[in-house]
Amino acid sequence: MSLEKREEGKGLSKAGMMIFAVRTTTGQERTVANLLASRVAARNLPVASIFVPEVVKGYIFVEAAGPHVVDEAISGLKHARGRTRGTVNIGDIEKFIVVKPVIEELGEGDIVELSAAPSRV
């Protein structure tokens, strides 16, 4: 999900995008998100991001230009049950956004470049 600064209390991103919740079959959230991403790319729909929090079952969140965009994107999509009414406030889902430290993404045998040495105090 893009982490742009949102207008407080309005569910709007800086670019005027809104966040919508989409109901899914429980356990199929990631599948719906992948199918949705493919459809958005194929149809060139104005969707900025798709967010699938691990702890929220049966829902994914879509940042799009309007409800009609989300409706078009999920129409006939397997395991997508529909869009909820209204928008989602960014404050309600911010707690699910976790920034991973880079060290978690490194694996044995990866090549890394150090750009600075630790300073001595």
Protein backbone atom coordinates (compact mmCIF):
# COMPACT_ATOMS: atom_id res chain seq x y z
CA MET A 1 0.00 0.00 0.00
CA SER A 2 1.32 3.44 -0.75
CA LEU A 3 2.29 5.33 2.34
CA GLU A 4 1.49 8.83 1.08
CA LYS A 5 0.28 11.34 3.62
CA ARG A 6 -3.52 11.11 3.83
CA GLU A 7 -5.97 13.85 4.68
CA GLU A 8 -7.08 13.26 8.26
CA GLY A 9 -10.42 11.50 8.65
CA LYS A 10 -11.43 11.40 5.00
CA GLY A 11 -9.91 8.19 3.65
CA LEU A 12 -8.38 10.19 0.81
CA SER A 13 -4.82 9.99 -0.44
CA LYS A 14 -2.89 13.00 -1.64
CA ALA A 15 -3.80 12.19 -5.25
CA GLY A 16 -7.55 12.00 -4.49
CA MET A 17 -7.63 8.21 -4.31
CA MET A 18 -10.01 6.59 -1.83
CA ILE A 19 -9.65 3.34 0.11
CA PHE A 20 -12.38 0.72 -0.22
CA ALA A 21 -12.88 -2.60 1.56
CA VAL A 22 -13.69 -5.65 -0.58
CA ARG A 23 -15.28 -8.73 1.02
CA THR A 24 -13.70 -12.03 0.02
CA THR A 25 -14.07 -15.71 0.81
CA THR A 26 -12.20 -16.28 4.07
CA GLY A 27 -8.75 -17.69 3.33
CA GLN A 28 -8.79 -16.47 -0.28
CA GLU A 29 -7.68 -12.89 0.36
CA ARG A 30 -4.28 -13.22 -1.33
CA THR A 31 -5.81 -15.07 -4.30
CA VAL A 32 -8.35 -12.29 -4.81
CA ALA A 33 -5.61 -9.66 -4.53
CA ASN A 34 -3.49 -11.41 -7.16
CA LEU A 35 -6.44 -11.83 -9.55
CA LEU A 36 -7.45 -8.23 -8.93
CA ALA A 37 -3.92 -6.96 -9.64
CA SER A 38 -3.87 -8.86 -12.93
CA ARG A 39 -7.22 -7.43 -13.97
CA VAL A 40 -6.23 -3.89 -12.99
CA ALA A 41 -3.05 -4.15 -15.08
CA ALA A 42 -4.86 -5.67 -18.07
CA ARG A 43 -7.61 -3.03 -18.09
CA ASN A 44 -5.35 -0.15 -17.03
CA LEU A 45 -7.72 0.79 -14.18
CA PRO A 46 -6.87 3.69 -11.84
CA VAL A 47 -5.97 1.59 -8.78
CA ALA A 48 -3.00 2.79 -6.72
CA SER A 49 -2.66 -0.15 -4.33
CA ILE A 50 -4.12 -3.39 -3.00
CA PHE A 51 -3.55 -4.19 0.67
CA VAL A 52 -4.00 -7.64 2.25
CA PRO A 53 -3.44 -7.52 6.02
CA GLU A 54 -2.68 -10.94 7.52
CA VAL A 55 -4.87 -10.42 10.59
CA VAL A 56 -8.03 -9.25 8.83
CA LYS A 57 -9.81 -12.30 7.45
CA GLY A 58 -12.35 -11.98 4.64
CA TYR A 59 -11.36 -8.49 3.49
CA ILE A 60 -8.81 -6.77 1.29
CA PHE A 61 -8.37 -3.03 0.85
CA VAL A 62 -8.15 -1.27 -2.51
CA GLU A 63 -6.96 2.29 -3.07
CA ALA A 64 -8.76 3.51 -6.19
CA ALA A 65 -10.10 6.62 -7.91
CA GLY A 66 -13.72 5.77 -7.04
CA PRO A 67 -16.19 3.04 -6.12
CA HIS A 68 -17.07 2.40 -9.77
CA VAL A 69 -13.43 1.45 -10.44
CA VAL A 70 -13.46 -1.13 -7.65
CA ASP A 71 -16.83 -2.48 -8.78
CA GLU A 72 -15.52 -2.90 -12.34
CA ALA A 73 -12.32 -4.54 -11.12
CA ILE A 74 -14.06 -7.14 -8.90
CA SER A 75 -17.03 -7.83 -11.17
CA GLY A 76 -17.17 -11.60 -11.77
CA LEU A 77 -13.88 -12.16 -9.93
CA LYS A 78 -13.72 -15.55 -8.23
CA HIS A 79 -13.88 -15.35 -4.39
CA ALA A 80 -14.63 -11.59 -4.42
CA ARG A 81 -17.94 -11.12 -2.61
CA GLY A 82 -18.42 -7.41 -3.14
CA ARG A 83 -17.41 -3.97 -2.02
CA THR A 84 -18.54 -2.61 1.33
CA ARG A 85 -20.44 0.69 1.38
CA GLY A 86 -18.44 3.86 1.88
CA THR A 87 -14.71 4.35 2.23
CA VAL A 88 -12.21 3.19 4.82
CA ASN A 89 -10.34 5.72 6.90
CA ILE A 90 -6.56 5.30 6.57
CA GLY A 91 -6.28 5.50 10.36
CA ASP A 92 -8.31 2.31 10.67
CA ILE A 93 -5.84 0.23 8.65
CA GLU A 94 -2.55 2.00 9.43
CA LYS A 95 -2.02 -0.27 12.43
CA PHE A 96 -1.74 -3.25 10.05
CA ILE A 97 1.07 -1.68 8.01
CA VAL A 98 4.41 -3.00 9.24
CA VAL A 99 7.67 -1.88 7.69
CA LYS A 100 10.09 -4.83 7.60
CA PRO A 101 13.70 -4.17 8.53
CA VAL A 102 16.06 -4.78 5.62
CA ILE A 103 17.91 -7.43 7.63
CA GLU A 104 14.82 -9.71 7.47
CA GLU A 105 15.00 -9.73 3.67
CA LEU A 106 18.66 -10.76 3.51
CA GLY A 107 19.60 -14.37 3.03
CA GLU A 108 22.77 -16.38 3.37
CA GLY A 109 25.01 -15.81 0.37
CA ASP A 110 23.51 -12.40 -0.50
CA ILE A 111 26.00 -9.72 -1.49
CA VAL A 112 25.64 -6.46 0.40
CA GLU A 113 27.43 -3.13 0.02
CA LEU A 114 28.30 -1.09 3.09
CA SER A 115 28.11 2.61 2.38
CA ALA A 116 29.40 3.82 5.77
CA ALA A 117 31.12 2.39 8.80
CA PRO A 118 29.64 2.77 12.27
CA SER A 119 30.80 5.95 13.97
CA ARG A 120 32.70 5.86 17.24
CA VAL A 121 31.23 7.81 20.11
